[in-house]
Amino acid sequence: MTTEERLEKLEWELARAKRRNRHLLIFALVAAGVTVVAAAWIGTPGTVRAENGAKAPNIVRANGFILEDADGKVRATLSALMDGPVLGLVDGNGRVRAKLSVLSDEPYLGLADENGKVRVILGALKDGSALRLAGENGKPGAELYVAKDGPTLRLYDENGKGRVVLNTAKDALGLSLYDEKHELRAILGAGKAGPRLGLVDENGKTRVTLGAAKNGPSLQLYDENEKPRAALGADKDGPSLYLYDATGKPRARLAVAKEGSGLGLRDENGELRAGLSVLKDGPGLGLYDENGKPRAGLSTGKEGSGLCVFDENGNPRARLAVAKDAAALGLCDENGKPRVILSADKEGSALDLSDANGKRIWQAP
């Protein structure tokens, strides 16, 4: 049985005990009459003697007692119920305001307001202790439960819906927030790995997570299917941003490091298809085929700009370079060896042809 179920059972027991006060009053009147008859028959009450003649203590045995004030109003009741003993304290209007009981070997204290609504319940359970505070409508407003694993605090709204749960364990601390429908909407946790915040939509799907781990903070955004769509992180190397498609596969990555910044684009199979980087020497662009092989590269720097085109094996087949005072075009064979070089500078232009071994076979001029 959960703590909430036990507390609700106690509320029911307290209400049932109120109804029994009337029965106890009748019992007390009958018992009083029996006592008078017994006293007349026995004589003046005295010390009960044991069989051996020794004095025995005075003992009164009964299933219930009722205490009245000077006006004859019931102000306290003590009864032995099936589930355990109950002590009730009654105000001047005849309403039970406090109950002390031991039900199923677990002690409870219940306090009620002037309207008979149970407002406070304190219990010492077998697996921990619990405290419930209720509003004027009798619905729970707050609960504190202390178990072996740690304490838990629950806060409720005016309708008795749980809205806040705070719990702590040996290695972690957690805070959960619920909406008016008692649907979980936010979770804040703090454990050995660091604090973490999760935001949940009205359908119970996690949409945002924010964490601060040892290697750096991170932010993740999810779609309505709980698939990751964006992730932002920052570690010792620098910040990075990931974008994902509808299936949760990474399609774009933007990163900033000490050496520079870069953007990578991937296809639906996770293969890198385009990369843009800005390094110390200058920016560069790389294009790749469906097998991840480089097919084109473009770069520019202080010395000039260059374009390189590759075949399906990743071997360079054409190179174009433009410097301050010259430009050159090189064509390569399937092995990546230059076979044709066309160059031009302020002195003029030239054409060189080479064989497969790199030996020049023709030159002009």
Protein backbone atom coordinates (compact mmCIF):
# COMPACT_ATOMS: atom_id res chain seq x y z
CA MET A 1 0.00 0.00 0.00
CA THR A 2 1.39 3.40 -0.98
CA THR A 3 1.73 6.35 1.38
CA GLU A 4 -1.17 8.18 -0.29
CA GLU A 5 -3.41 5.12 0.05
CA ARG A 6 -2.51 4.81 3.73
CA LEU A 7 -3.31 8.45 4.42
CA GLU A 8 -6.61 8.17 2.56
CA LYS A 9 -7.44 5.07 4.59
CA LEU A 10 -6.70 7.00 7.77
CA GLU A 11 -9.08 9.79 6.72
CA TRP A 12 -11.79 7.17 6.25
CA GLU A 13 -10.98 5.64 9.64
CA LEU A 14 -11.23 9.06 11.30
CA ALA A 15 -14.62 9.66 9.72
CA ARG A 16 -15.77 6.23 10.84
CA ALA A 17 -14.53 6.93 14.37
CA LYS A 18 -16.73 10.05 14.51
CA ARG A 19 -19.81 7.95 13.88
CA ARG A 20 -18.79 5.56 16.66
CA ASN A 21 -18.71 8.32 19.27
CA ARG A 22 -22.47 8.10 19.53
CA HIS A 23 -22.28 4.34 20.04
CA LEU A 24 -19.59 4.78 22.69
CA LEU A 25 -21.80 7.27 24.57
CA ILE A 26 -24.61 4.70 24.73
CA PHE A 27 -22.11 2.07 25.81
CA ALA A 28 -20.82 4.36 28.55
CA LEU A 29 -24.31 4.91 29.95
CA VAL A 30 -24.97 1.19 30.00
CA ALA A 31 -21.58 0.53 31.55
CA ALA A 32 -22.28 3.11 34.25
CA GLY A 33 -25.47 1.31 35.21
CA VAL A 34 -23.65 -2.01 35.40
CA THR A 35 -21.00 -0.41 37.59
CA VAL A 36 -23.62 0.87 40.07
CA VAL A 37 -25.22 -2.56 40.34
CA ALA A 38 -21.84 -4.21 40.76
CA ALA A 39 -20.81 -1.74 43.46
CA ALA A 40 -24.02 -2.38 45.39
CA TRP A 41 -23.46 -6.12 45.26
CA ILE A 42 -19.71 -6.09 46.00
CA GLY A 43 -19.71 -3.22 48.45
CA THR A 44 -17.23 -0.40 48.70
CA PRO A 45 -14.56 -0.77 46.01
CA GLY A 46 -11.28 -1.88 47.49
CA THR A 47 -8.09 -3.54 46.58
CA VAL A 48 -8.44 -6.75 44.62
CA ARG A 49 -6.59 -9.59 46.33
CA ALA A 50 -4.87 -12.39 44.56
CA GLU A 51 -5.45 -16.04 45.43
CA ASN A 52 -2.40 -16.11 47.71
CA GLY A 53 -3.69 -13.10 49.67
CA ALA A 54 -1.22 -10.62 48.21
CA LYS A 55 -2.45 -7.26 46.94
CA ALA A 56 -3.00 -6.93 43.16
CA PRO A 57 -3.03 -3.60 41.30
CA ASN A 58 -6.33 -1.92 40.51
CA ILE A 59 -7.18 -2.72 36.88
CA VAL A 60 -10.08 -1.48 34.79
CA ARG A 61 -10.81 -3.31 31.57
CA ALA A 62 -13.13 -1.96 28.85
CA ASN A 63 -13.52 -1.58 25.08
CA GLY A 64 -14.04 2.17 25.28
CA PHE A 65 -14.20 5.23 27.47
CA ILE A 66 -15.93 8.58 27.16
CA LEU A 67 -14.91 11.73 29.05
CA GLU A 68 -17.46 14.50 29.60
CA ASP A 69 -17.10 18.07 30.79
CA ALA A 70 -19.06 19.70 33.58
CA ASP A 71 -21.99 20.29 31.24
CA GLY A 72 -22.18 16.63 30.23
CA LYS A 73 -20.73 17.16 26.76
CA VAL A 74 -18.46 14.50 25.32
CA ARG A 75 -14.93 15.90 25.08
CA ALA A 76 -12.79 12.78 24.64
CA THR A 77 -13.25 9.17 23.58
CA LEU A 78 -10.96 6.17 23.83
CA SER A 79 -11.93 3.05 21.93
CA ALA A 80 -10.41 -0.21 20.80
CA LEU A 81 -11.40 -0.79 17.18
CA MET A 82 -10.79 -3.85 15.08
CA ASP A 83 -7.75 -2.25 13.40
CA GLY A 84 -6.34 -0.70 16.58
CA PRO A 85 -6.96 1.79 19.45
CA VAL A 86 -8.21 5.33 18.77
CA LEU A 87 -8.18 8.38 21.05
CA GLY A 88 -10.46 11.23 20.01
CA LEU A 89 -10.61 14.79 21.35
CA VAL A 90 -13.86 16.72 20.85
CA ASP A 91 -14.46 20.48 20.90
CA GLY A 92 -17.34 22.33 22.58
CA ASN A 93 -19.54 21.88 19.52
CA GLY A 94 -19.24 18.11 19.56
CA ARG A 95 -16.88 17.86 16.61
CA VAL A 96 -13.86 15.59 16.74
CA ARG A 97 -10.81 17.84 16.34
CA ALA A 98 -7.95 15.43 17.05
CA LYS A 99 -7.46 11.69 16.68
CA LEU A 100 -4.55 9.58 17.84
CA SER A 101 -4.66 6.01 16.61
CA VAL A 102 -2.60 2.92 15.93
CA LEU A 103 -3.96 1.24 12.80
CA SER A 104 -2.36 -1.94 11.47
CA ASP A 105 0.57 -1.38 13.85
CA GLU A 106 1.20 2.12 12.44
CA PRO A 107 0.54 5.20 14.65
CA TYR A 108 -1.29 8.22 13.21
CA LEU A 109 -2.29 11.65 14.44
CA GLY A 110 -5.16 13.46 12.73
CA LEU A 111 -6.25 17.07 13.27
CA ALA A 112 -9.56 18.48 11.99
CA ASP A 113 -10.93 22.02 11.66
CA GLU A 114 -14.16 23.42 13.10
CA ASN A 115 -16.09 22.01 10.13
CA GLY A 116 -14.87 18.48 10.73
CA LYS A 117 -12.50 18.49 7.73
CA VAL A 118 -9.27 16.61 8.36
CA ARG A 119 -6.51 19.17 7.84
CA VAL A 120 -3.40 17.45 9.25
CA ILE A 121 -2.37 13.80 9.29
CA LEU A 122 0.93 12.63 10.77
CA GLY A 123 1.88 8.99 10.52
CA ALA A 124 4.82 6.77 11.39
CA LEU A 125 4.68 4.04 8.75
CA LYS A 126 6.60 0.81 8.63
CA ASP A 127 8.71 2.04 5.72
CA GLY A 128 8.93 5.71 6.73
CA SER A 129 7.05 8.68 8.17
CA ALA A 130 4.45 10.87 6.47
CA LEU A 131 2.77 14.24 6.96
CA ARG A 132 -0.28 15.44 5.01
CA LEU A 133 -1.70 18.98 5.11
CA ALA A 134 -5.14 19.57 3.61
CA GLY A 135 -7.10 22.67 2.63
CA GLU A 136 -10.48 23.77 3.92
CA ASN A 137 -12.16 21.54 1.33
CA GLY A 138 -10.42 18.52 2.85
CA LYS A 139 -8.34 17.87 -0.27
CA PRO A 140 -4.59 17.38 0.16
CA GLY A 141 -2.46 20.49 -0.22
CA ALA A 142 0.95 19.17 0.74
CA GLU A 143 2.54 15.87 1.71
CA LEU A 144 5.95 15.11 3.15
CA TYR A 145 7.18 11.53 3.17
CA VAL A 146 10.52 10.35 4.55
CA ALA A 147 11.63 6.86 3.55
CA LYS A 148 14.90 4.96 3.60
CA ASP A 149 15.88 6.30 0.19
CA GLY A 150 15.23 9.93 1.17
CA PRO A 151 12.44 12.49 1.69
CA THR A 152 9.72 13.37 -0.84
CA LEU A 153 7.57 16.51 -0.86
CA ARG A 154 4.33 16.76 -2.86
CA LEU A 155 2.28 19.92 -3.44
CA TYR A 156 -1.33 19.90 -4.71
CA ASP A 157 -3.64 22.48 -6.24
CA GLU A 158 -7.11 23.45 -4.98
CA ASN A 159 -8.60 20.44 -6.80
CA GLY A 160 -6.31 17.96 -5.08
CA LYS A 161 -4.23 17.41 -8.23
CA GLY A 162 -0.53 16.83 -7.66
CA ARG A 163 1.42 19.69 -9.21
CA VAL A 164 4.90 19.54 -7.63
CA VAL A 165 7.04 16.63 -6.45
CA LEU A 166 10.43 17.20 -4.85
CA ASN A 167 12.50 14.20 -3.85
CA THR A 168 16.05 13.58 -2.87
CA ALA A 169 18.04 10.38 -2.78
CA LYS A 170 21.57 9.48 -1.89
CA ASP A 171 23.04 10.45 -5.24
CA ALA A 172 20.45 12.76 -6.81
CA LEU A 173 17.84 15.47 -6.30
CA GLY A 174 14.71 15.73 -8.46
CA LEU A 175 11.90 18.24 -8.97
CA SER A 176 8.84 17.37 -11.09
CA LEU A 177 6.13 19.83 -12.18
CA TYR A 178 2.66 18.76 -13.39
CA ASP A 179 -0.17 20.62 -15.14
CA GLU A 180 -3.82 20.86 -14.06
CA LYS A 181 -4.45 17.40 -15.59
CA HIS A 182 -1.64 15.92 -13.51
CA GLU A 183 0.45 15.43 -16.64
CA LEU A 184 4.19 15.72 -16.18
CA ARG A 185 5.47 18.90 -17.86
CA ALA A 186 8.93 19.61 -16.40
CA ILE A 187 11.69 17.69 -14.63
CA LEU A 188 14.72 19.18 -12.92
CA GLY A 189 17.35 16.79 -11.65
CA ALA A 190 20.77 17.09 -10.11
CA GLY A 191 23.01 14.04 -9.89
CA LYS A 192 26.64 13.05 -10.15
CA ALA A 193 26.64 13.73 -13.90
CA GLY A 194 25.39 17.30 -13.29
CA PRO A 195 22.05 19.14 -13.35
CA ARG A 196 19.52 18.44 -16.09
CA LEU A 197 16.19 20.02 -17.06
CA GLY A 198 13.52 18.35 -19.18
CA LEU A 199 10.38 19.99 -20.64
CA VAL A 200 7.43 17.84 -21.70
CA ASP A 201 4.46 18.72 -23.95
CA GLU A 202 0.77 18.09 -23.24
CA ASN A 203 1.06 14.60 -24.79
CA GLY A 204 3.81 13.51 -22.42
CA LYS A 205 6.57 13.79 -25.03
CA THR A 206 9.93 15.25 -24.07
CA ARG A 207 10.57 18.33 -26.20
CA VAL A 208 13.52 20.09 -24.53
CA THR A 209 16.43 18.90 -22.39
CA LEU A 210 19.09 21.14 -20.91
CA GLY A 211 22.09 19.75 -19.10
CA ALA A 212 25.36 20.83 -17.58
CA ALA A 213 27.79 17.92 -17.51
CA LYS A 214 31.43 17.79 -16.59
CA ASN A 215 32.58 18.24 -20.19
CA GLY A 216 30.20 21.17 -20.81
CA PRO A 217 26.55 22.27 -21.14
CA SER A 218 24.15 20.92 -23.76
CA LEU A 219 20.68 21.74 -25.13
CA GLN A 220 18.51 19.30 -27.11
CA LEU A 221 15.24 20.01 -28.93
CA TYR A 222 12.82 17.21 -29.92
CA ASP A 223 9.79 17.03 -32.22
CA GLU A 224 6.30 15.75 -31.38
CA ASN A 225 7.54 12.17 -31.91
CA GLU A 226 10.35 12.68 -29.38
CA LYS A 227 12.94 12.53 -32.17
CA PRO A 228 15.96 14.82 -31.71
CA ARG A 229 15.91 17.73 -34.15
CA ALA A 230 18.56 20.10 -32.78
CA ALA A 231 21.39 19.88 -30.26
CA LEU A 232 23.66 22.62 -28.99
CA GLY A 233 26.73 21.81 -26.94
CA ALA A 234 29.85 23.48 -25.66
CA ASP A 235 32.94 21.60 -24.49
CA LYS A 236 36.58 22.47 -24.01
CA ASP A 237 37.15 22.43 -27.78
CA GLY A 238 34.34 24.93 -28.45
CA PRO A 239 30.59 25.09 -29.20
CA SER A 240 28.81 22.91 -31.75
CA LEU A 241 25.29 22.77 -33.22
CA TYR A 242 23.67 19.65 -34.67
CA LEU A 243 20.51 19.54 -36.81
CA TYR A 244 18.59 16.28 -37.34
CA ASP A 245 15.97 15.10 -39.84
CA ALA A 246 12.57 13.59 -39.00
CA THR A 247 14.14 10.17 -38.39
CA GLY A 248 16.58 11.54 -35.84
CA LYS A 249 19.65 11.29 -38.08
CA PRO A 250 22.18 14.13 -37.96
CA ARG A 251 22.17 16.16 -41.18
CA ALA A 252 24.12 19.30 -40.33
CA ARG A 253 26.84 20.24 -37.86
CA LEU A 254 28.22 23.69 -37.15
CA ALA A 255 31.27 23.88 -34.90
CA VAL A 256 33.71 26.49 -33.68
CA ALA A 257 37.13 25.40 -32.41
CA LYS A 258 40.47 26.98 -31.68
CA GLU A 259 41.69 26.33 -35.23
CA GLY A 260 38.57 27.83 -36.84
CA SER A 261 34.92 27.13 -37.65
CA GLY A 262 33.25 24.53 -39.83
CA LEU A 263 29.93 23.41 -41.28
CA GLY A 264 29.22 19.82 -42.31
CA LEU A 265 26.18 18.59 -44.27
CA ARG A 266 25.21 14.91 -44.44
CA ASP A 267 22.67 12.94 -46.47
CA GLU A 268 19.95 10.60 -45.18
CA ASN A 269 22.51 7.78 -44.94
CA GLY A 270 24.77 9.76 -42.65
CA GLU A 271 27.43 10.34 -45.33
CA LEU A 272 29.20 13.69 -45.38
CA ARG A 273 28.29 15.48 -48.63
CA ALA A 274 29.53 19.02 -48.09
CA GLY A 275 31.95 20.70 -45.72
CA LEU A 276 32.65 24.39 -45.30
CA SER A 277 35.46 25.55 -43.05
CA VAL A 278 37.21 28.75 -42.14
CA LEU A 279 40.70 28.16 -40.79
CA LYS A 280 43.68 30.34 -40.09
CA ASP A 281 44.93 30.01 -43.67
CA GLY A 282 41.51 30.86 -45.15
CA PRO A 283 38.11 29.36 -46.03
CA GLY A 284 37.55 26.06 -47.82
CA LEU A 285 34.69 24.10 -49.35
CA GLY A 286 34.58 20.35 -49.92
CA LEU A 287 31.97 18.35 -51.84
CA TYR A 288 31.59 14.57 -51.46
CA ASP A 289 29.67 11.81 -53.27
CA GLU A 290 27.24 9.29 -51.78
CA ASN A 291 30.17 7.05 -50.78
CA GLY A 292 31.87 9.79 -48.80
CA LYS A 293 34.59 10.27 -51.43
CA PRO A 294 35.78 13.86 -52.04
CA ARG A 295 34.77 15.08 -55.50
CA ALA A 296 35.53 18.79 -55.40
CA GLY A 297 37.48 21.15 -53.18
CA LEU A 298 37.62 24.94 -53.24
CA SER A 299 39.90 27.03 -51.06
CA THR A 300 41.36 30.50 -50.82
CA GLY A 301 44.11 32.03 -48.73
CA LYS A 302 46.82 34.68 -48.61
CA GLU A 303 48.73 33.09 -51.47
CA GLY A 304 45.69 32.67 -53.76
CA SER A 305 42.75 30.43 -54.53
CA GLY A 306 42.44 26.87 -55.75
CA LEU A 307 39.93 24.39 -57.13
CA CYS A 308 40.44 20.63 -57.20
CA VAL A 309 38.17 18.04 -58.83
CA PHE A 310 38.36 14.34 -57.90
CA ASP A 311 37.13 11.12 -59.52
CA GLU A 312 35.00 8.40 -57.86
CA ASN A 313 38.14 6.89 -56.29
CA GLY A 314 39.04 10.15 -54.59
CA ASN A 315 42.01 10.79 -56.91
CA PRO A 316 42.54 14.39 -58.09
CA ARG A 317 41.87 14.79 -61.84
CA ALA A 318 41.95 18.56 -62.31
CA ARG A 319 43.51 21.43 -60.39
CA LEU A 320 43.07 25.13 -60.90
CA ALA A 321 45.19 27.58 -58.95
CA VAL A 322 45.20 31.35 -59.06
CA ALA A 323 47.95 33.30 -57.30
CA LYS A 324 48.83 36.99 -57.25
CA ASP A 325 51.04 36.92 -60.33
CA ALA A 326 50.08 33.66 -62.03
CA ALA A 327 47.44 31.05 -62.76
CA ALA A 328 47.74 27.37 -63.56
CA LEU A 329 45.56 24.48 -64.67
CA GLY A 330 46.61 20.88 -64.16
CA LEU A 331 44.99 17.72 -65.50
CA CYS A 332 45.80 14.38 -63.91
CA ASP A 333 45.38 10.73 -64.92
CA GLU A 334 43.45 8.05 -62.98
CA ASN A 335 46.40 7.64 -60.64
CA GLY A 336 46.39 11.30 -59.72
CA LYS A 337 49.62 12.09 -61.62
CA PRO A 338 49.69 15.41 -63.53
CA ARG A 339 49.76 14.90 -67.31
CA VAL A 340 48.88 18.36 -68.57
CA ILE A 341 49.86 21.69 -67.00
CA LEU A 342 48.79 24.99 -68.45
CA SER A 343 50.20 28.07 -66.74
CA ALA A 344 50.19 31.80 -67.29
CA ASP A 345 52.09 34.63 -65.57
CA LYS A 346 53.30 38.12 -66.38
CA GLU A 347 56.07 36.64 -68.52
CA GLY A 348 53.66 34.66 -70.68
CA SER A 349 51.96 31.28 -70.88
CA ALA A 350 53.20 27.70 -71.09
CA LEU A 351 51.94 24.20 -71.74
CA ASP A 352 53.59 21.03 -70.42
CA LEU A 353 52.67 17.45 -71.29
CA SER A 354 53.99 14.48 -69.31
CA ASP A 355 53.73 10.69 -69.58
CA ALA A 356 52.49 8.25 -66.90
CA ASN A 357 55.93 8.24 -65.28
CA GLY A 358 55.96 12.02 -64.92
CA LYS A 359 58.49 12.53 -67.72
CA ARG A 360 57.94 15.63 -69.85
CA ILE A 361 57.16 14.69 -73.42
CA TRP A 362 56.22 18.07 -74.84
CA GLN A 363 56.48 21.71 -73.84
CA ALA A 364 55.42 24.97 -75.42
CA PRO A 365 56.96 27.39 -75.74
